[in-house]
Amino acid sequence: MRLHHALAWLGLVLALPAAAADYAALPGGRFASVMPADGKAAPAQIAPFRLRVEPVTNAEFLAFVKTHPEWRRDRVAGILADARYLSHWAGPLALGREAKPRQPVTRVSWFAAAAYCESEGARLPTWYEWEYAAAADATRRDARNDPAWREHLLAWYSRPSSAPLPDIGGAANAYGVRNITEPVWEWVDDYNALLVASDSRDQGDPDVLKFCGAGAISLQQKENYAVLMRIAMLSALKASDTTNNMGFRCAKP
């Protein structure tokens, strides 16, 4: 009888859907971004939104590719992801020693990240949403004027990019969001509109450096170098690119 009940319980557990990801509700409002809304000094207007509490992990992305095989590394279209896409996994459907389940997934393209979020009924956050959420520390919603906060971000940047990523699970910030400034960079929906579109860079325009320079000059809060570095990093990528330290999380209205 006990065996019968145990098997029935196991069957019930296996039939349950995967646990839904946790999202934190952020109030939005006027936000002084490093990228003024008008290119000069106007604050951004951010509508209330929800943000995934944690970045997407290897285990979660593995579950995604199992149900969406077009995103397996051996089946993904070359136009949607470069050759390094999920190359640290042991196989198309196996994580292996180099990719622990609770580590944030990396080596994913913008296309793959957007597809994952869509499967979750979500989308990638905009830059303003990401920057707004990342401005908080454990007790303050906007800690950017604190030199110690800025130094902490820069200290993480100085770590070797080849060092193994830690598991997700850091302390939550004032919004209840974890691991947003480390241990990975994160894709945003409008990554290619931050300074100059990739199409503009690729057309051989002789004035391209002028456009890039103008975009950089309009940036505010030059002392917030860590955030400016993120803009430079994202602006240098194409949607099919993958890197050792680029992950993502999702957002919802």
Protein backbone atom coordinates (compact mmCIF):
# COMPACT_ATOMS: atom_id res chain seq x y z
CA MET A 1 0.00 0.00 0.00
CA ARG A 2 2.83 2.37 0.91
CA LEU A 3 4.51 1.68 -2.43
CA HIS A 4 1.24 2.41 -4.21
CA HIS A 5 0.88 5.78 -2.44
CA ALA A 6 4.53 6.61 -3.08
CA LEU A 7 4.18 5.93 -6.80
CA ALA A 8 0.96 7.96 -6.95
CA TRP A 9 2.70 10.89 -5.21
CA LEU A 10 5.69 10.65 -7.56
CA GLY A 11 3.39 10.66 -10.56
CA LEU A 12 1.62 13.74 -9.26
CA VAL A 13 4.91 15.59 -8.75
CA LEU A 14 6.16 14.74 -12.25
CA ALA A 15 2.87 15.91 -13.75
CA LEU A 16 3.14 19.35 -12.15
CA PRO A 17 4.37 22.20 -14.37
CA ALA A 18 7.78 23.76 -13.67
CA ALA A 19 7.70 26.38 -10.96
CA ALA A 20 7.04 29.83 -12.35
CA ALA A 21 9.85 32.34 -12.04
CA ASP A 22 9.55 35.00 -9.35
CA TYR A 23 9.04 38.58 -10.49
CA ALA A 24 9.41 41.70 -8.33
CA ALA A 25 7.03 44.62 -8.84
CA LEU A 26 8.82 47.93 -9.40
CA PRO A 27 6.84 51.21 -9.16
CA GLY A 28 8.52 53.12 -11.99
CA GLY A 29 8.40 56.92 -12.20
CA ARG A 30 10.75 59.71 -13.25
CA PHE A 31 14.34 58.52 -13.37
CA ALA A 32 17.54 60.45 -14.07
CA SER A 33 19.23 58.05 -16.46
CA VAL A 34 22.79 58.37 -17.68
CA MET A 35 21.05 58.63 -21.06
CA PRO A 36 18.67 61.64 -20.89
CA ALA A 37 15.35 61.08 -22.60
CA ASP A 38 15.83 64.15 -24.79
CA GLY A 39 19.59 63.72 -25.24
CA LYS A 40 20.22 66.66 -22.92
CA ALA A 41 18.89 66.46 -19.35
CA ALA A 42 15.27 65.25 -19.33
CA PRO A 43 14.52 62.34 -16.96
CA ALA A 44 13.11 59.11 -18.31
CA GLN A 45 9.51 58.19 -17.57
CA ILE A 46 9.25 54.54 -16.56
CA ALA A 47 5.88 52.81 -16.23
CA PRO A 48 5.38 50.31 -13.39
CA PHE A 49 6.77 46.94 -14.40
CA ARG A 50 7.81 43.57 -13.03
CA LEU A 51 11.34 42.22 -13.25
CA ARG A 52 12.60 38.71 -12.79
CA VAL A 53 14.11 38.47 -9.31
CA GLU A 54 17.08 36.48 -10.62
CA PRO A 55 18.86 36.08 -13.95
CA VAL A 56 17.94 33.00 -15.97
CA THR A 57 20.08 30.04 -14.91
CA ASN A 58 21.67 27.20 -16.88
CA ALA A 59 19.05 24.78 -15.54
CA GLU A 60 16.19 27.03 -16.63
CA PHE A 61 17.64 27.56 -20.09
CA LEU A 62 18.24 23.82 -20.45
CA ALA A 63 14.54 23.22 -19.74
CA PHE A 64 13.75 25.83 -22.40
CA VAL A 65 15.85 24.24 -25.15
CA LYS A 66 14.33 20.84 -24.36
CA THR A 67 10.87 22.20 -25.11
CA HIS A 68 12.04 24.56 -27.88
CA PRO A 69 14.54 22.41 -29.82
CA GLU A 70 15.07 25.08 -32.45
CA TRP A 71 17.23 26.78 -29.78
CA ARG A 72 19.50 23.79 -29.19
CA ARG A 73 23.09 24.69 -30.04
CA ASP A 74 23.19 22.00 -32.74
CA ARG A 75 20.00 23.25 -34.39
CA VAL A 76 19.92 27.01 -33.93
CA ALA A 77 20.13 29.03 -37.14
CA GLY A 78 23.50 30.68 -37.63
CA ILE A 79 21.87 34.04 -38.19
CA LEU A 80 20.39 33.87 -34.66
CA ALA A 81 23.46 32.86 -32.67
CA ASP A 82 27.20 32.76 -33.26
CA ALA A 83 29.43 29.68 -33.03
CA ARG A 84 30.04 30.08 -29.27
CA TYR A 85 26.34 29.80 -28.41
CA LEU A 86 26.09 27.49 -25.34
CA SER A 87 29.50 26.08 -26.22
CA HIS A 88 30.41 25.67 -22.53
CA TRP A 89 27.68 23.05 -22.10
CA ALA A 90 28.76 19.40 -22.30
CA GLY A 91 26.23 18.75 -25.07
CA PRO A 92 23.12 20.18 -26.74
CA LEU A 93 21.01 18.82 -23.88
CA ALA A 94 23.59 18.41 -21.11
CA LEU A 95 25.19 21.01 -18.84
CA GLY A 96 28.31 19.16 -17.69
CA ARG A 97 31.07 20.30 -15.34
CA GLU A 98 31.57 23.74 -16.89
CA ALA A 99 27.95 24.83 -16.52
CA LYS A 100 26.39 24.33 -13.11
CA PRO A 101 22.58 24.40 -12.84
CA ARG A 102 22.41 27.47 -10.57
CA GLN A 103 24.93 29.57 -12.46
CA PRO A 104 23.45 32.28 -14.68
CA VAL A 105 23.27 31.10 -18.27
CA THR A 106 25.75 32.89 -20.56
CA ARG A 107 26.86 32.59 -24.19
CA VAL A 108 23.29 33.28 -25.28
CA SER A 109 22.43 35.67 -28.09
CA TRP A 110 19.90 38.50 -27.88
CA PHE A 111 17.61 36.47 -30.14
CA ALA A 112 17.77 33.46 -27.80
CA ALA A 113 17.22 35.60 -24.71
CA ALA A 114 14.19 37.29 -26.29
CA ALA A 115 12.75 33.90 -27.29
CA TYR A 116 13.18 32.57 -23.75
CA CYS A 117 11.39 35.57 -22.25
CA GLU A 118 8.57 35.22 -24.79
CA SER A 119 8.16 31.58 -23.69
CA GLU A 120 7.65 32.88 -20.18
CA GLY A 121 5.03 35.41 -21.29
CA ALA A 122 7.56 38.16 -20.81
CA ARG A 123 10.11 40.27 -22.69
CA LEU A 124 13.59 41.63 -22.15
CA PRO A 125 13.69 44.77 -19.99
CA THR A 126 14.43 48.09 -21.64
CA TRP A 127 17.67 49.86 -20.77
CA TYR A 128 15.79 52.39 -18.64
CA GLU A 129 14.06 49.59 -16.72
CA TRP A 130 17.33 47.75 -16.15
CA GLU A 131 19.23 50.89 -15.11
CA TYR A 132 16.38 51.91 -12.77
CA ALA A 133 16.38 48.52 -11.02
CA ALA A 134 20.19 48.37 -10.88
CA ALA A 135 20.49 51.78 -9.21
CA ALA A 136 19.35 50.31 -5.89
CA ASP A 137 21.45 48.77 -3.18
CA ALA A 138 20.20 46.72 -0.24
CA THR A 139 18.46 49.64 1.49
CA ARG A 140 18.21 52.52 -1.01
CA ARG A 141 16.33 52.68 -4.29
CA ASP A 142 18.95 55.00 -5.73
CA ALA A 143 22.47 54.56 -4.38
CA ARG A 144 24.31 56.02 -7.37
CA ASN A 145 25.62 59.08 -5.54
CA ASP A 146 27.41 56.90 -3.03
CA PRO A 147 31.10 56.57 -4.00
CA ALA A 148 31.28 53.25 -2.13
CA TRP A 149 28.47 51.86 -4.31
CA ARG A 150 30.27 52.91 -7.50
CA GLU A 151 33.57 51.46 -6.25
CA HIS A 152 31.85 48.16 -5.53
CA LEU A 153 30.65 47.92 -9.12
CA LEU A 154 34.06 48.74 -10.52
CA ALA A 155 35.70 46.18 -8.25
CA TRP A 156 33.60 43.46 -9.86
CA TYR A 157 34.65 44.61 -13.33
CA SER A 158 38.29 44.10 -12.35
CA ARG A 159 37.74 40.35 -11.84
CA PRO A 160 39.17 38.10 -14.58
CA SER A 161 36.44 37.30 -17.08
CA SER A 162 37.69 33.72 -17.20
CA ALA A 163 36.93 33.11 -13.49
CA PRO A 164 34.07 30.61 -12.86
CA LEU A 165 30.74 32.31 -12.29
CA PRO A 166 29.19 31.92 -8.82
CA ASP A 167 25.74 30.47 -8.34
CA ILE A 168 22.78 32.83 -8.33
CA GLY A 169 21.55 33.81 -4.89
CA GLY A 170 23.08 37.09 -3.81
CA ALA A 171 21.44 39.53 -1.43
CA ALA A 172 18.33 41.30 -2.70
CA ASN A 173 18.35 45.03 -3.36
CA ALA A 174 15.67 47.45 -2.17
CA TYR A 175 13.29 46.20 -4.90
CA GLY A 176 13.81 42.53 -4.01
CA VAL A 177 15.93 41.95 -7.15
CA ARG A 178 19.11 39.85 -6.89
CA ASN A 179 22.34 39.67 -8.88
CA ILE A 180 21.46 42.52 -11.23
CA THR A 181 24.89 44.17 -11.31
CA GLU A 182 26.90 40.97 -11.01
CA PRO A 183 28.02 38.29 -11.79
CA VAL A 184 27.00 38.82 -15.44
CA TRP A 185 26.21 41.55 -17.93
CA GLU A 186 22.60 41.40 -19.10
CA TRP A 187 20.91 41.89 -22.46
CA VAL A 188 18.27 44.61 -22.71
CA ASP A 189 15.58 44.87 -25.34
CA ASP A 190 16.86 48.12 -26.90
CA TYR A 191 20.59 47.34 -26.60
CA ASN A 192 21.29 48.47 -30.17
CA ALA A 193 19.63 51.86 -29.80
CA LEU A 194 21.72 53.13 -26.89
CA LEU A 195 24.37 54.99 -28.87
CA VAL A 196 24.15 54.13 -32.53
CA ALA A 197 22.40 51.29 -34.33
CA SER A 198 24.50 48.42 -35.60
CA ASP A 199 23.06 49.06 -39.06
CA SER A 200 24.63 52.51 -38.99
CA ARG A 201 27.99 51.07 -37.99
CA ASP A 202 27.90 48.49 -40.73
CA GLN A 203 27.14 50.78 -43.67
CA GLY A 204 30.60 52.28 -44.00
CA ASP A 205 29.36 55.76 -43.15
CA PRO A 206 32.40 58.07 -43.00
CA ASP A 207 30.71 60.04 -40.20
CA VAL A 208 30.20 57.03 -37.95
CA LEU A 209 32.79 58.20 -35.41
CA LYS A 210 31.06 61.56 -35.22
CA PHE A 211 27.77 59.84 -34.40
CA CYS A 212 29.39 57.66 -31.74
CA GLY A 213 31.18 60.66 -30.27
CA ALA A 214 27.96 62.68 -30.14
CA GLY A 215 26.21 59.83 -28.35
CA ALA A 216 28.99 59.55 -25.80
CA ILE A 217 29.02 63.30 -25.13
CA SER A 218 25.29 63.26 -24.32
CA LEU A 219 25.80 60.72 -21.54
CA GLN A 220 25.33 62.06 -18.01
CA GLN A 221 26.79 61.12 -14.64
CA LYS A 222 30.32 60.61 -15.96
CA GLU A 223 31.36 59.58 -12.43
CA ASN A 224 29.12 56.53 -12.80
CA TYR A 225 31.73 54.88 -14.99
CA ALA A 226 30.52 51.33 -14.27
CA VAL A 227 27.13 52.00 -15.86
CA LEU A 228 28.66 53.83 -18.81
CA MET A 229 30.83 50.77 -19.44
CA ARG A 230 27.67 48.68 -19.79
CA ILE A 231 26.33 51.00 -22.46
CA ALA A 232 29.60 50.79 -24.36
CA MET A 233 29.60 46.99 -24.06
CA LEU A 234 26.02 46.55 -25.24
CA SER A 235 26.43 49.03 -28.08
CA ALA A 236 29.38 47.03 -29.43
CA LEU A 237 27.36 43.81 -29.82
CA LYS A 238 25.21 42.35 -32.55
CA ALA A 239 22.04 40.42 -31.73
CA SER A 240 23.64 37.11 -32.69
CA ASP A 241 26.75 37.65 -30.53
CA THR A 242 27.44 35.63 -27.38
CA THR A 243 30.04 36.23 -24.68
CA ASN A 244 31.34 34.43 -21.60
CA ASN A 245 29.65 36.90 -19.27
CA MET A 246 26.47 37.99 -21.03
CA GLY A 247 23.26 36.66 -19.50
CA PHE A 248 19.76 38.04 -19.15
CA ARG A 249 16.57 38.28 -17.14
CA CYS A 250 13.01 39.01 -18.26
CA ALA A 251 10.44 41.71 -17.54
CA LYS A 252 6.67 42.02 -17.66
CA PRO A 253 4.31 45.02 -17.62
